[in-house]
Amino acid sequence: VRLVESGGGLVQPGGSLRLSCAASGFTFSRSALSWYRQAPGKERELVATINTKDVATYYPDSVKDRFTISRDNSVNTIYLQMNNLQPEDTAVYYCYLRRTTIFSTNDYWGQGTQVTVSS
């Protein structure tokens, strides 16, 4: 399994970024995936999940009207569109997969992509 994030960077407050997570090594279309983030000095938190039927769930109230998670099964990629970014969105953003087989359950993380919101 491989998860590779991209799209992070430095953006001013109110700006937008789109993160991508390119996945390989498993049956993408049959898997739910998530975005997490970890701000400096804080625990990693779940931001959004998208299931196999394209149903999205957002977890912090602060992102529900600003972030959109989506997936493209044709290119094995999930996205996180982030609008109206605020300094408190500054964090490393990670792609996450929990893969369950009849033999085991394993958690997979990408390497992360840094998002910095600052003027």
C-alpha atoms as a PDB file:
ATOM      1  CA  VAL A   1       0.000   0.000   0.000  1.00  0.00           C
ATOM      2  CA  ARG A   2       1.234   3.436  -0.870  1.00  0.00           C
ATOM      3  CA  LEU A   3      -0.365   6.808  -0.152  1.00  0.00           C
ATOM      4  CA  VAL A   4       1.296   9.929  -1.523  1.00  0.00           C
ATOM      5  CA  GLU A   5      -0.020  13.376  -0.620  1.00  0.00           C
ATOM      6  CA  SER A   6       0.652  16.557  -2.536  1.00  0.00           C
ATOM      7  CA  GLY A   7      -0.696  20.063  -2.903  1.00  0.00           C
ATOM      8  CA  GLY A   8       0.277  21.659   0.368  1.00  0.00           C
ATOM      9  CA  GLY A   9       1.965  25.011   0.657  1.00  0.00           C
ATOM     10  CA  LEU A  10       1.857  28.509   2.049  1.00  0.00           C
ATOM     11  CA  VAL A  11      -1.366  30.440   1.566  1.00  0.00           C
ATOM     12  CA  GLN A  12      -2.772  33.681   2.945  1.00  0.00           C
ATOM     13  CA  PRO A  13      -5.876  33.667   5.155  1.00  0.00           C
ATOM     14  CA  GLY A  14      -8.962  33.361   3.005  1.00  0.00           C
ATOM     15  CA  GLY A  15      -7.087  31.465   0.319  1.00  0.00           C
ATOM     16  CA  SER A  16      -7.623  27.983  -1.068  1.00  0.00           C
ATOM     17  CA  LEU A  17      -5.642  24.818  -1.622  1.00  0.00           C
ATOM     18  CA  ARG A  18      -6.467  21.426  -3.046  1.00  0.00           C
ATOM     19  CA  LEU A  19      -4.683  18.447  -1.581  1.00  0.00           C
ATOM     20  CA  SER A  20      -4.344  15.178  -3.449  1.00  0.00           C
ATOM     21  CA  CYS A  21      -3.619  11.667  -2.214  1.00  0.00           C
ATOM     22  CA  ALA A  22      -2.541   9.189  -4.874  1.00  0.00           C
ATOM     23  CA  ALA A  23      -3.086   5.625  -3.728  1.00  0.00           C
ATOM     24  CA  SER A  24      -1.809   2.265  -4.901  1.00  0.00           C
ATOM     25  CA  GLY A  25      -1.429  -1.311  -3.740  1.00  0.00           C
ATOM     26  CA  PHE A  26      -5.025  -2.050  -2.851  1.00  0.00           C
ATOM     27  CA  THR A  27      -8.512  -2.011  -4.376  1.00  0.00           C
ATOM     28  CA  PHE A  28      -9.128   1.714  -4.270  1.00  0.00           C
ATOM     29  CA  SER A  29     -12.774   1.688  -5.350  1.00  0.00           C
ATOM     30  CA  ARG A  30     -13.676  -0.626  -2.485  1.00  0.00           C
ATOM     31  CA  SER A  31     -11.970   1.409   0.199  1.00  0.00           C
ATOM     32  CA  ALA A  32     -12.962   4.308   2.385  1.00  0.00           C
ATOM     33  CA  LEU A  33     -10.203   6.862   2.908  1.00  0.00           C
ATOM     34  CA  SER A  34      -9.699   9.807   5.186  1.00  0.00           C
ATOM     35  CA  TRP A  35      -7.800  13.020   5.674  1.00  0.00           C
ATOM     36  CA  TYR A  36      -6.257  13.753   9.050  1.00  0.00           C
ATOM     37  CA  ARG A  37      -4.248  16.741  10.170  1.00  0.00           C
ATOM     38  CA  GLN A  38      -1.788  17.443  12.934  1.00  0.00           C
ATOM     39  CA  ALA A  39      -1.017  20.947  14.057  1.00  0.00           C
ATOM     40  CA  PRO A  40       2.170  21.765  15.989  1.00  0.00           C
ATOM     41  CA  GLY A  41       1.865  20.598  19.574  1.00  0.00           C
ATOM     42  CA  LYS A  42      -1.522  18.999  19.020  1.00  0.00           C
ATOM     43  CA  GLU A  43      -2.824  15.511  18.485  1.00  0.00           C
ATOM     44  CA  ARG A  44      -3.640  14.260  15.035  1.00  0.00           C
ATOM     45  CA  GLU A  45      -7.324  14.834  14.266  1.00  0.00           C
ATOM     46  CA  LEU A  46      -9.708  13.379  11.724  1.00  0.00           C
ATOM     47  CA  VAL A  47     -10.824  15.951   9.189  1.00  0.00           C
ATOM     48  CA  ALA A  48     -12.962  14.085   6.671  1.00  0.00           C
ATOM     49  CA  THR A  49     -13.781  10.623   5.385  1.00  0.00           C
ATOM     50  CA  ILE A  50     -15.187   9.487   2.064  1.00  0.00           C
ATOM     51  CA  ASN A  51     -16.694   6.045   1.686  1.00  0.00           C
ATOM     52  CA  THR A  52     -17.032   3.800  -1.334  1.00  0.00           C
ATOM     53  CA  LYS A  53     -20.363   5.381  -2.295  1.00  0.00           C
ATOM     54  CA  ASP A  54     -18.910   8.904  -2.347  1.00  0.00           C
ATOM     55  CA  VAL A  55     -20.573   9.813   0.918  1.00  0.00           C
ATOM     56  CA  ALA A  56     -18.458  12.349   2.760  1.00  0.00           C
ATOM     57  CA  THR A  57     -18.326  12.970   6.479  1.00  0.00           C
ATOM     58  CA  TYR A  58     -16.628  15.975   8.069  1.00  0.00           C
ATOM     59  CA  TYR A  59     -15.568  15.977  11.663  1.00  0.00           C
ATOM     60  CA  PRO A  60     -14.415  19.299  13.053  1.00  0.00           C
ATOM     61  CA  ASP A  61     -17.293  21.750  12.870  1.00  0.00           C
ATOM     62  CA  SER A  62     -14.818  24.366  11.767  1.00  0.00           C
ATOM     63  CA  VAL A  63     -14.246  22.707   8.384  1.00  0.00           C
ATOM     64  CA  LYS A  64     -17.760  21.582   7.470  1.00  0.00           C
ATOM     65  CA  ASP A  65     -18.615  24.570   5.284  1.00  0.00           C
ATOM     66  CA  ARG A  66     -15.117  25.136   3.943  1.00  0.00           C
ATOM     67  CA  PHE A  67     -13.585  21.765   3.077  1.00  0.00           C
ATOM     68  CA  THR A  68     -14.758  19.224   0.511  1.00  0.00           C
ATOM     69  CA  ILE A  69     -13.455  15.685   0.246  1.00  0.00           C
ATOM     70  CA  SER A  70     -13.869  13.835  -3.035  1.00  0.00           C
ATOM     71  CA  ARG A  71     -12.508  10.834  -4.879  1.00  0.00           C
ATOM     72  CA  ASP A  72     -11.744   9.818  -8.433  1.00  0.00           C
ATOM     73  CA  ASN A  73     -11.680   6.049  -8.760  1.00  0.00           C
ATOM     74  CA  SER A  74     -10.337   6.291 -12.321  1.00  0.00           C
ATOM     75  CA  VAL A  75      -7.019   7.640 -11.031  1.00  0.00           C
ATOM     76  CA  ASN A  76      -7.047   6.156  -7.513  1.00  0.00           C
ATOM     77  CA  THR A  77      -6.920   9.561  -5.879  1.00  0.00           C
ATOM     78  CA  ILE A  78      -8.772  11.395  -3.156  1.00  0.00           C
ATOM     79  CA  TYR A  79      -8.824  15.156  -2.801  1.00  0.00           C
ATOM     80  CA  LEU A  80      -9.403  17.728  -0.129  1.00  0.00           C
ATOM     81  CA  GLN A  81     -10.522  21.088  -1.430  1.00  0.00           C
ATOM     82  CA  MET A  82      -9.931  23.663   1.276  1.00  0.00           C
ATOM     83  CA  ASN A  83     -11.470  27.111   0.937  1.00  0.00           C
ATOM     84  CA  ASN A  84     -11.342  30.194   3.140  1.00  0.00           C
ATOM     85  CA  LEU A  85      -8.304  28.834   4.929  1.00  0.00           C
ATOM     86  CA  GLN A  86      -7.530  30.245   8.350  1.00  0.00           C
ATOM     87  CA  PRO A  87      -4.363  30.237  10.449  1.00  0.00           C
ATOM     88  CA  GLU A  88      -5.840  27.514  12.657  1.00  0.00           C
ATOM     89  CA  ASP A  89      -5.884  25.212   9.607  1.00  0.00           C
ATOM     90  CA  THR A  90      -2.095  25.212   9.634  1.00  0.00           C
ATOM     91  CA  ALA A  91      -1.020  21.602  10.006  1.00  0.00           C
ATOM     92  CA  VAL A  92       0.484  18.628   8.298  1.00  0.00           C
ATOM     93  CA  TYR A  93      -2.295  16.875   6.400  1.00  0.00           C
ATOM     94  CA  TYR A  94      -2.214  13.105   6.079  1.00  0.00           C
ATOM     95  CA  CYS A  95      -4.053  10.596   3.938  1.00  0.00           C
ATOM     96  CA  TYR A  96      -5.205   7.505   5.843  1.00  0.00           C
ATOM     97  CA  LEU A  97      -6.457   4.044   4.998  1.00  0.00           C
ATOM     98  CA  ARG A  98      -7.625   1.278   7.292  1.00  0.00           C
ATOM     99  CA  ARG A  99      -7.420  -1.911   5.320  1.00  0.00           C
ATOM    100  CA  THR A 100      -9.241  -4.928   6.674  1.00  0.00           C
ATOM    101  CA  THR A 101      -8.847  -8.417   5.251  1.00  0.00           C
ATOM    102  CA  ILE A 102      -9.924 -11.753   6.624  1.00  0.00           C
ATOM    103  CA  PHE A 103      -6.443 -12.060   8.079  1.00  0.00           C
ATOM    104  CA  SER A 104      -5.732  -8.687   9.600  1.00  0.00           C
ATOM    105  CA  THR A 105      -6.493  -5.009   9.958  1.00  0.00           C
ATOM    106  CA  ASN A 106      -3.762  -2.535   9.117  1.00  0.00           C
ATOM    107  CA  ASP A 107      -3.539   1.243   9.188  1.00  0.00           C
ATOM    108  CA  TYR A 108      -1.658   3.102   6.465  1.00  0.00           C
ATOM    109  CA  TRP A 109      -0.534   6.715   6.380  1.00  0.00           C
ATOM    110  CA  GLY A 110       0.980   8.894   3.743  1.00  0.00           C
ATOM    111  CA  GLN A 111       4.046  10.995   4.436  1.00  0.00           C
ATOM    112  CA  GLY A 112       1.966  14.133   4.903  1.00  0.00           C
ATOM    113  CA  THR A 113       1.862  17.500   3.206  1.00  0.00           C
ATOM    114  CA  GLN A 114       2.397  20.778   5.049  1.00  0.00           C
ATOM    115  CA  VAL A 115      -0.279  23.459   4.889  1.00  0.00           C
ATOM    116  CA  THR A 116       0.648  26.841   6.312  1.00  0.00           C
ATOM    117  CA  VAL A 117      -1.863  29.659   6.473  1.00  0.00           C
ATOM    118  CA  SER A 118      -0.214  32.956   7.233  1.00  0.00           C
ATOM    119  CA  SER A 119      -0.145  36.532   6.064  1.00  0.00           C
END
